[in-house]
N, C-alpha and C. Protein backbone atom coordinates (compact mmCIF):
# COMPACT_ATOMS: atom_id res chain seq x y z
N UNK A 1 0.91 -1.14 0.18
CA UNK A 1 -0.04 -0.11 -0.13
C UNK A 1 1.19 1.12 -0.02
N UNK A 2 0.51 2.50 -0.82
CA UNK A 2 1.20 3.57 -0.84
C UNK A 2 0.39 4.96 -1.30
N UNK A 3 0.54 5.46 -0.93
CA UNK A 3 -0.39 6.78 -1.16
C UNK A 3 0.02 7.63 -2.41
N UNK A 4 -0.49 8.28 -3.46
CA UNK A 4 -0.25 8.98 -4.70
C UNK A 4 -1.18 10.08 -4.26
N UNK A 5 -0.98 11.41 -3.63
CA UNK A 5 -1.67 12.30 -3.72
C UNK A 5 -3.15 12.04 -2.78
N UNK A 6 -3.98 12.07 -3.56
CA UNK A 6 -5.44 11.91 -2.80
C UNK A 6 -6.03 10.82 -2.88
N UNK A 7 -5.14 9.49 -3.38
CA UNK A 7 -5.44 7.96 -3.42
C UNK A 7 -4.62 7.12 -2.85
N UNK A 8 -5.35 6.13 -2.40
CA UNK A 8 -4.75 4.84 -1.87
C UNK A 8 -4.79 3.82 -2.77
N UNK A 9 -3.48 3.42 -2.78
CA UNK A 9 -3.36 2.15 -3.55
C UNK A 9 -3.19 0.90 -2.92
N UNK A 10 -3.83 -0.24 -3.02
CA UNK A 10 -3.48 -1.37 -2.51
C UNK A 10 -3.10 -2.48 -3.46
N UNK A 11 -2.25 -3.32 -3.01
CA UNK A 11 -1.81 -4.44 -3.98
C UNK A 11 -2.07 -5.62 -3.19
N UNK A 12 -2.98 -6.35 -3.80
CA UNK A 12 -3.65 -7.80 -3.18
C UNK A 12 -2.70 -8.51 -3.15
N UNK A 13 -2.17 -9.33 -1.92
CA UNK A 13 -1.12 -10.02 -1.81
C UNK A 13 -1.53 -11.81 -2.14
N UNK A 14 -2.71 -12.01 -2.11
CA UNK A 14 -3.47 -13.00 -2.50
C UNK A 14 -4.60 -13.06 -3.06
N UNK A 15 -4.90 -14.01 -3.97
CA UNK A 15 -6.15 -14.35 -4.81
C UNK A 15 -7.39 -14.45 -4.11
N UNK A 16 -8.33 -13.70 -4.38
CA UNK A 16 -9.79 -13.80 -4.14
C UNK A 16 -10.79 -14.34 -4.99
N UNK A 17 -11.55 -15.25 -4.51
CA UNK A 17 -12.62 -15.97 -5.17
C UNK A 17 -13.84 -14.73 -5.51
N UNK A 18 -14.43 -14.83 -6.25
CA UNK A 18 -15.55 -14.20 -6.82
C UNK A 18 -16.59 -14.41 -5.52
N UNK A 19 -17.25 -13.02 -5.06
CA UNK A 19 -18.39 -13.29 -4.18
C UNK A 19 -17.33 -13.04 -2.73
N UNK A 20 -16.08 -12.64 -2.87
CA UNK A 20 -15.52 -12.82 -1.42
C UNK A 20 -15.82 -11.49 -1.03
N UNK A 21 -15.85 -11.10 0.51
CA UNK A 21 -16.02 -9.87 0.94
C UNK A 21 -14.78 -9.39 1.36
N UNK A 22 -14.16 -8.35 1.12
CA UNK A 22 -13.03 -7.74 1.29
C UNK A 22 -13.00 -6.58 2.08
N UNK A 23 -12.60 -6.65 3.48
CA UNK A 23 -12.95 -5.48 4.52
C UNK A 23 -11.48 -5.33 5.05
N UNK A 24 -11.03 -4.14 4.96
CA UNK A 24 -9.75 -3.86 6.22
C UNK A 24 -9.79 -2.58 6.92
N UNK A 25 -8.85 -2.36 7.77
CA UNK A 25 -8.88 -1.28 8.53
C UNK A 25 -7.81 -0.38 8.63
N UNK A 26 -7.71 0.74 8.39
CA UNK A 26 -6.49 1.76 8.30
C UNK A 26 -6.47 2.21 9.44
N UNK A 27 -5.40 1.63 10.45
CA UNK A 27 -5.36 2.51 11.54
C UNK A 27 -5.03 3.93 12.11
N UNK A 28 -5.44 4.64 12.93
CA UNK A 28 -4.88 6.22 12.96
C UNK A 28 -3.50 6.24 12.83
N UNK A 29 -2.89 5.42 13.10
CA UNK A 29 -1.25 5.69 12.95
C UNK A 29 -1.05 6.22 11.64
N UNK A 30 -1.56 6.00 10.65
CA UNK A 30 -1.45 6.34 9.15
C UNK A 30 -1.42 7.65 8.96
N UNK A 31 -2.10 8.50 9.87
CA UNK A 31 -2.34 9.69 9.92
C UNK A 31 -3.09 10.29 8.60
N UNK A 32 -3.97 9.43 8.31
CA UNK A 32 -5.28 9.82 7.11
C UNK A 32 -6.41 10.87 7.83
N UNK A 33 -6.00 12.00 7.08
CA UNK A 33 -6.41 12.93 8.03
C UNK A 33 -7.98 13.36 6.96
N UNK A 34 -9.20 13.73 7.77
CA UNK A 34 -10.48 14.03 7.07
C UNK A 34 -10.29 15.14 6.34
N UNK A 35 -11.15 15.29 5.24
CA UNK A 35 -11.18 16.89 4.78
C UNK A 35 -11.35 18.08 5.70
N UNK A 36 -10.88 19.09 5.71
CA UNK A 36 -11.37 20.17 6.63
C UNK A 36 -12.89 20.58 6.63
N UNK A 37 -13.62 20.51 5.67
CA UNK A 37 -14.76 20.65 5.18
C UNK A 37 -16.00 19.69 5.94
N UNK A 38 -15.31 18.31 6.37
CA UNK A 38 -15.92 17.15 6.54
C UNK A 38 -16.00 16.09 5.30
N UNK A 39 -17.07 15.51 5.66
CA UNK A 39 -17.44 14.69 4.73
C UNK A 39 -19.33 14.41 4.53
N UNK A 40 -19.68 14.56 3.79
CA UNK A 40 -21.11 14.51 3.62
C UNK A 40 -21.75 12.89 3.51
N UNK A 41 -22.96 12.92 3.79
CA UNK A 41 -23.51 11.63 4.01
C UNK A 41 -23.30 10.87 2.68
N UNK A 42 -22.97 9.64 1.97
CA UNK A 42 -22.58 9.21 1.09
C UNK A 42 -22.26 9.78 -0.11
N UNK A 43 -21.30 10.42 0.33
CA UNK A 43 -20.71 11.36 -0.86
C UNK A 43 -20.26 11.04 -2.18
N UNK A 44 -20.69 11.33 -3.10
CA UNK A 44 -20.30 10.40 -4.11
C UNK A 44 -18.81 10.67 -4.95
N UNK A 45 -17.85 11.35 -4.29
CA UNK A 45 -16.41 11.78 -5.15
C UNK A 45 -15.92 10.67 -4.19
N UNK A 46 -16.42 9.80 -3.23
CA UNK A 46 -15.06 8.83 -2.71
C UNK A 46 -15.80 7.42 -3.32
N UNK A 47 -14.19 7.00 -3.91
CA UNK A 47 -14.93 5.81 -4.90
C UNK A 47 -13.73 4.68 -4.80
N UNK A 48 -14.06 3.89 -5.55
CA UNK A 48 -13.09 2.39 -5.34
C UNK A 48 -12.96 2.04 -7.01
N UNK A 49 -11.83 1.33 -7.11
CA UNK A 49 -11.73 0.59 -8.99
C UNK A 49 -10.64 -0.19 -8.36
N UNK A 50 -10.45 -1.15 -9.72
CA UNK A 50 -9.55 -1.74 -9.78
C UNK A 50 -9.00 -2.21 -11.22
N UNK A 51 -7.84 -2.58 -11.02
CA UNK A 51 -7.20 -2.81 -12.56
C UNK A 51 -7.09 -4.61 -12.79
N UNK A 52 -7.99 -5.20 -12.06
CA UNK A 52 -7.99 -6.69 -11.97
C UNK A 52 -7.85 -7.10 -13.51
N UNK A 53 -6.82 -8.07 -13.63
CA UNK A 53 -7.02 -8.82 -15.00
C UNK A 53 -8.11 -9.42 -15.42
N UNK A 54 -8.98 -10.04 -14.47
CA UNK A 54 -10.37 -10.27 -14.84
C UNK A 54 -11.14 -9.51 -15.38
N UNK A 55 -11.14 -8.27 -14.96
CA UNK A 55 -12.17 -7.29 -15.54
C UNK A 55 -11.67 -5.94 -14.63
N UNK A 56 -11.55 -4.78 -15.35
CA UNK A 56 -10.93 -3.65 -14.74
C UNK A 56 -12.40 -3.29 -14.05
N UNK A 57 -12.45 -2.33 -13.05
CA UNK A 57 -13.69 -1.58 -12.75
C UNK A 57 -13.45 0.05 -12.57
N UNK A 58 -14.20 0.67 -13.49
CA UNK A 58 -13.69 2.04 -13.21
C UNK A 58 -14.20 2.53 -11.73
N UNK A 59 -13.79 3.89 -11.69
CA UNK A 59 -14.05 4.69 -10.72
C UNK A 59 -15.36 4.52 -10.34
N UNK A 60 -15.68 4.02 -8.97
CA UNK A 60 -17.02 3.65 -8.90
C UNK A 60 -17.68 4.24 -7.39
N UNK A 61 -18.43 5.20 -7.30
CA UNK A 61 -18.95 5.63 -5.82
C UNK A 61 -18.97 4.69 -4.65
N UNK A 62 -18.44 4.97 -3.63
CA UNK A 62 -18.81 4.07 -2.53
C UNK A 62 -20.09 4.24 -2.40
N UNK A 63 -20.79 3.24 -1.82
CA UNK A 63 -22.08 3.49 -1.69
C UNK A 63 -22.47 3.77 -0.16
N UNK A 64 -21.86 3.68 1.23
CA UNK A 64 -22.29 4.16 2.32
C UNK A 64 -21.02 5.05 2.65
N UNK A 65 -21.49 6.02 3.14
CA UNK A 65 -20.28 6.87 3.96
C UNK A 65 -20.74 8.06 4.95
N UNK A 66 -20.71 7.86 6.19
CA UNK A 66 -21.54 8.63 7.22
C UNK A 66 -21.29 10.10 7.06
N UNK A 67 -21.77 10.74 7.39
CA UNK A 67 -21.42 12.33 7.52
C UNK A 67 -20.75 12.96 8.78
N UNK A 68 -19.46 13.52 8.80
CA UNK A 68 -18.76 13.74 9.52
C UNK A 68 -18.47 15.53 9.59
N UNK A 69 -18.70 16.18 10.78
CA UNK A 69 -18.09 17.14 10.90
C UNK A 69 -18.82 18.14 10.06
N UNK A 70 -20.05 17.70 9.65
CA UNK A 70 -20.41 19.11 8.74
C UNK A 70 -22.06 19.41 9.18
N UNK A 71 -22.88 18.56 9.38
CA UNK A 71 -24.28 18.89 10.06
C UNK A 71 -24.49 17.89 11.35
N UNK A 72 -24.96 18.26 12.14
CA UNK A 72 -25.64 17.50 13.21
C UNK A 72 -27.23 17.13 12.89
N UNK A 73 -27.68 18.00 12.45
CA UNK A 73 -29.26 17.75 12.03
C UNK A 73 -29.10 17.82 10.49
N UNK A 74 -29.31 16.59 9.90
CA UNK A 74 -29.27 16.72 8.47
C UNK A 74 -30.27 17.59 7.54
N UNK A 75 -29.49 17.83 6.99
CA UNK A 75 -30.57 19.49 5.82
C UNK A 75 -32.04 18.41 5.57
N UNK A 76 -33.07 19.25 5.67
CA UNK A 76 -34.36 19.07 5.65
C UNK A 76 -34.91 20.06 4.83
N UNK A 77 -36.19 19.82 3.89
CA UNK A 77 -36.90 20.55 3.62
C UNK A 77 -38.51 20.19 3.50
N UNK A 78 -39.53 21.03 3.48
CA UNK A 78 -40.43 20.71 3.93
C UNK A 78 -41.35 21.98 2.93
N UNK A 79 -42.66 21.66 2.66
CA UNK A 79 -43.26 22.73 2.19
C UNK A 79 -44.73 22.99 2.89
N UNK A 80 -45.33 24.11 2.27
CA UNK A 80 -46.57 24.64 2.91
C UNK A 80 -47.61 24.44 1.83
N UNK A 81 -48.43 23.44 2.17
CA UNK A 81 -49.25 22.81 0.99
C UNK A 81 -48.40 21.89 0.06
N UNK A 82 -47.88 22.39 -1.07
CA UNK A 82 -47.23 21.79 -1.93
C UNK A 82 -47.83 21.06 -3.05
N UNK A 83 -48.11 21.30 -3.98
CA UNK A 83 -49.11 21.11 -5.42
C UNK A 83 -47.65 21.29 -6.29
N UNK A 84 -47.58 19.93 -7.20
CA UNK A 84 -46.34 20.43 -8.32
C UNK A 84 -46.79 21.12 -9.30
N UNK A 85 -45.96 22.18 -9.44
CA UNK A 85 -46.01 23.14 -10.65
C UNK A 85 -47.10 24.73 -9.85
N UNK A 86 -46.85 24.50 -8.21
CA UNK A 86 -47.61 25.68 -7.70
C UNK A 86 -46.73 26.38 -6.88
N UNK A 87 -46.88 27.30 -6.50
CA UNK A 87 -46.11 28.24 -5.46
C UNK A 87 -46.57 27.80 -4.24
N UNK A 88 -45.45 27.71 -3.41
CA UNK A 88 -45.51 27.06 -1.98
C UNK A 88 -44.45 27.75 -0.95
N UNK A 89 -44.66 27.80 0.17
CA UNK A 89 -43.67 28.24 1.20
C UNK A 89 -42.45 27.04 1.36
N UNK A 90 -41.35 27.45 1.69
CA UNK A 90 -40.45 26.32 1.87
C UNK A 90 -39.72 26.47 3.32
N UNK A 91 -39.69 25.38 3.67
CA UNK A 91 -38.96 25.31 5.10
C UNK A 91 -37.65 24.70 5.44
N UNK A 92 -36.74 25.07 5.42
CA UNK A 92 -35.40 24.62 5.27
C UNK A 92 -34.64 24.28 6.70
N UNK A 93 -34.31 23.11 7.14
CA UNK A 93 -33.85 22.82 8.29
C UNK A 93 -32.52 22.10 8.64
N UNK A 94 -31.46 22.90 9.04
CA UNK A 94 -30.02 22.39 9.60
C UNK A 94 -29.77 22.66 10.37
N UNK A 95 -28.55 21.81 11.02
CA UNK A 95 -27.75 22.15 12.22
C UNK A 95 -26.33 21.82 11.93
N UNK A 96 -25.41 22.85 12.24
CA UNK A 96 -23.89 22.48 12.11
C UNK A 96 -23.29 21.96 13.35
N UNK A 97 -22.04 20.93 13.11
CA UNK A 97 -21.59 20.54 14.14
C UNK A 97 -19.75 21.78 14.17
N UNK A 98 -20.18 22.90 13.43
CA UNK A 98 -19.01 23.64 13.47
C UNK A 98 -19.72 25.06 13.65
N UNK A 99 -18.52 26.09 13.96
CA UNK A 99 -19.00 27.21 14.06
C UNK A 99 -19.49 28.09 12.62
N UNK A 100 -20.43 28.77 12.56
CA UNK A 100 -20.83 29.58 11.50
C UNK A 100 -20.94 31.02 11.57
N UNK A 101 -19.56 31.51 11.36
CA UNK A 101 -19.48 33.17 11.45
C UNK A 101 -20.68 33.90 11.07
N UNK A 102 -20.77 34.98 11.64
CA UNK A 102 -21.56 36.02 11.42
C UNK A 102 -20.73 36.56 9.62
N UNK A 103 -21.57 36.49 8.65
CA UNK A 103 -21.06 37.02 7.40
C UNK A 103 -21.25 35.90 6.53
N UNK A 104 -21.09 34.65 6.81
CA UNK A 104 -20.70 33.57 6.09
C UNK A 104 -22.20 33.45 5.16
N UNK A 105 -21.90 33.13 4.08
CA UNK A 105 -23.12 32.63 3.09
C UNK A 105 -23.62 31.49 3.11
N UNK A 106 -24.61 31.12 3.31
CA UNK A 106 -24.98 29.47 2.85
C UNK A 106 -26.09 29.45 1.43
N UNK A 107 -25.66 28.55 0.98
CA UNK A 107 -26.29 28.21 -0.38
C UNK A 107 -26.91 27.16 -0.65
N UNK A 108 -28.47 26.99 -1.24
CA UNK A 108 -29.01 25.95 -1.38
C UNK A 108 -29.66 25.99 -2.75
N UNK A 109 -29.66 25.03 -2.93
CA UNK A 109 -29.63 24.70 -4.87
C UNK A 109 -31.15 23.60 -4.81
N UNK A 110 -32.10 24.16 -5.62
CA UNK A 110 -33.38 23.67 -5.67
C UNK A 110 -33.00 23.57 -7.40
N UNK A 111 -32.80 22.36 -7.86
CA UNK A 111 -32.55 22.01 -9.34
C UNK A 111 -34.16 21.74 -9.53
N UNK A 112 -34.81 22.39 -10.95
CA UNK A 112 -35.85 22.58 -11.67
C UNK A 112 -37.11 23.03 -10.85
N UNK A 113 -36.68 23.56 -9.72
CA UNK A 113 -37.75 24.72 -9.19
C UNK A 113 -37.70 26.03 -9.99
N UNK A 114 -38.73 26.74 -10.01
CA UNK A 114 -38.64 27.95 -10.72
C UNK A 114 -38.97 29.43 -9.97
N UNK A 115 -39.00 30.33 -10.42
CA UNK A 115 -39.40 31.70 -9.77
C UNK A 115 -39.42 32.70 -10.87
N UNK A 116 -40.33 33.58 -10.56
CA UNK A 116 -40.53 34.75 -11.64
C UNK A 116 -39.44 35.67 -11.88
N UNK A 117 -38.94 36.40 -10.49
CA UNK A 117 -37.85 37.16 -10.54
C UNK A 117 -36.98 36.92 -9.54
N UNK A 118 -35.91 37.31 -9.47
CA UNK A 118 -35.17 37.70 -8.25
C UNK A 118 -35.77 38.00 -7.14
N UNK A 119 -35.57 37.57 -6.03
CA UNK A 119 -36.25 38.30 -4.39
C UNK A 119 -35.22 38.14 -3.78
N UNK A 120 -35.18 39.78 -2.83
CA UNK A 120 -34.48 39.75 -1.65
C UNK A 120 -35.17 40.17 -0.46
N UNK A 121 -35.20 39.49 0.47
CA UNK A 121 -35.85 39.54 1.68
C UNK A 121 -34.81 39.23 2.84
N UNK A 122 -35.54 39.65 3.96
CA UNK A 122 -35.25 39.14 5.62
C UNK A 122 -36.31 37.86 5.77
N UNK A 123 -35.62 36.94 6.09
CA UNK A 123 -36.30 35.75 6.81
C UNK A 123 -35.92 35.64 8.35
N UNK A 124 -36.50 35.16 9.14
CA UNK A 124 -36.00 34.68 10.48
C UNK A 124 -36.12 33.35 10.69
N UNK A 125 -34.72 33.00 11.64
CA UNK A 125 -34.60 31.44 12.00
C UNK A 125 -35.52 30.93 12.93
N UNK A 126 -35.68 30.16 13.39
CA UNK A 126 -36.74 29.44 14.71
C UNK A 126 -36.28 30.09 15.83
N UNK A 127 -34.89 30.45 15.86
CA UNK A 127 -34.43 30.86 17.03
C UNK A 127 -34.30 32.85 16.91
N UNK A 128 -34.91 33.14 16.29
CA UNK A 128 -35.24 34.32 16.20
C UNK A 128 -34.21 35.28 15.38
N UNK A 129 -32.90 34.48 14.83
CA UNK A 129 -31.92 35.17 13.91
C UNK A 129 -32.52 35.43 12.83
N UNK A 130 -31.90 36.93 12.09
CA UNK A 130 -32.49 37.02 11.00
C UNK A 130 -31.27 37.11 9.79
N UNK A 131 -31.72 36.56 8.76
CA UNK A 131 -31.17 36.26 7.55
C UNK A 131 -31.03 37.39 6.46
N UNK A 132 -30.37 37.57 5.67
CA UNK A 132 -30.72 38.22 4.35
C UNK A 132 -30.96 36.99 3.14
N UNK A 133 -32.06 36.85 2.82
CA UNK A 133 -32.07 35.89 1.67
C UNK A 133 -32.22 36.39 0.27
N UNK A 134 -31.91 35.62 -0.71
CA UNK A 134 -31.65 36.04 -1.74
C UNK A 134 -32.08 34.75 -2.57
N UNK A 135 -33.26 34.61 -3.68
CA UNK A 135 -33.72 33.76 -4.37
C UNK A 135 -33.70 34.17 -5.75
N UNK A 136 -32.90 33.23 -6.70
CA UNK A 136 -32.93 33.38 -7.95
C UNK A 136 -32.76 32.46 -8.72
N UNK A 137 -33.09 32.29 -10.09
CA UNK A 137 -33.17 31.67 -11.09
C UNK A 137 -31.99 31.63 -11.81
N UNK A 138 -31.83 30.21 -12.28
CA UNK A 138 -30.50 30.20 -13.14
C UNK A 138 -30.03 28.36 -13.55
N UNK A 139 -29.39 27.91 -13.83
CA UNK A 139 -28.87 26.76 -14.13
C UNK A 139 -29.78 25.84 -13.90
N UNK A 140 -30.95 25.79 -14.47
CA UNK A 140 -31.79 24.70 -14.58
C UNK A 140 -32.62 24.50 -12.86
N UNK A 141 -32.59 25.94 -12.09
CA UNK A 141 -33.61 25.77 -10.97
C UNK A 141 -33.19 27.25 -10.39
N UNK A 142 -33.77 26.97 -8.79
CA UNK A 142 -33.63 28.17 -7.73
C UNK A 142 -31.96 27.99 -7.11
N UNK A 143 -31.66 29.01 -6.97
CA UNK A 143 -30.53 29.21 -5.98
C UNK A 143 -31.13 29.96 -4.74
N UNK A 144 -30.82 29.45 -3.63
CA UNK A 144 -31.35 30.42 -2.52
C UNK A 144 -29.57 30.69 -1.62
N UNK A 145 -29.49 32.00 -1.81
CA UNK A 145 -28.10 32.48 -0.94
C UNK A 145 -28.68 33.34 0.72
N UNK A 146 -28.35 32.60 1.72
CA UNK A 146 -28.62 32.96 2.79
C UNK A 146 -27.53 33.80 3.36
N UNK A 147 -27.43 35.11 3.70
CA UNK A 147 -26.43 35.71 4.33
C UNK A 147 -26.55 36.66 5.51
N UNK A 148 -25.43 37.14 6.20
CA UNK A 148 -25.50 38.05 7.23
C UNK A 148 -26.03 37.89 8.58
N UNK A 149 -26.35 36.46 8.94
CA UNK A 149 -26.33 35.72 10.02
C UNK A 149 -26.34 37.06 11.25
N UNK A 150 -27.81 37.96 10.93
CA UNK A 150 -28.03 38.66 12.14
C UNK A 150 -28.38 38.25 13.26
N UNK A 151 -28.26 38.43 14.60
CA UNK A 151 -28.69 37.76 15.85
C UNK A 151 -29.65 38.73 16.25
N UNK A 152 -30.55 38.22 16.95
CA UNK A 152 -31.52 38.98 17.75
C UNK A 152 -30.89 40.06 18.95
N UNK A 153 -31.28 41.30 19.02
CA UNK A 153 -30.53 41.95 19.96
C UNK A 153 -31.29 41.53 21.23
N UNK A 154 -30.02 41.39 22.44
CA UNK A 154 -30.62 40.91 23.60
C UNK A 154 -30.62 42.01 24.60
N UNK A 155 -31.70 42.08 25.24
CA UNK A 155 -32.32 42.99 26.10
C UNK A 155 -32.15 42.47 27.87
């Protein structure tokens, strides 16, 4: 086994029969560090491949990986009413495991959604925080940008 950039290569020291389950553990002592931004659940750019003589397998997404260091509450989207092709209110919920500083920009992509024109407004979070929100059309859907993380005044 040796590392090449952002890739781990393993050389099989024995032959494995078809339908064999291959599982191994890479200890912490190897020093493999998770990405600073964390890993999302079932992240599709984590892949496995082989150049096996019986048939190479191109890079294939790993089917399961847990979320690490990004959200403690997985992002969720719900609708007020909600009929296909109709206008609806949206409720977006998420919770971070990291600090989100004032001025950070959150972006939510909604492919195949539509909006008549760009809209800017202030929205209120469940904790009373205020966010500047922009909803815009483009790229085959709607992009929401939440900025400003303005927290309520404490009295």
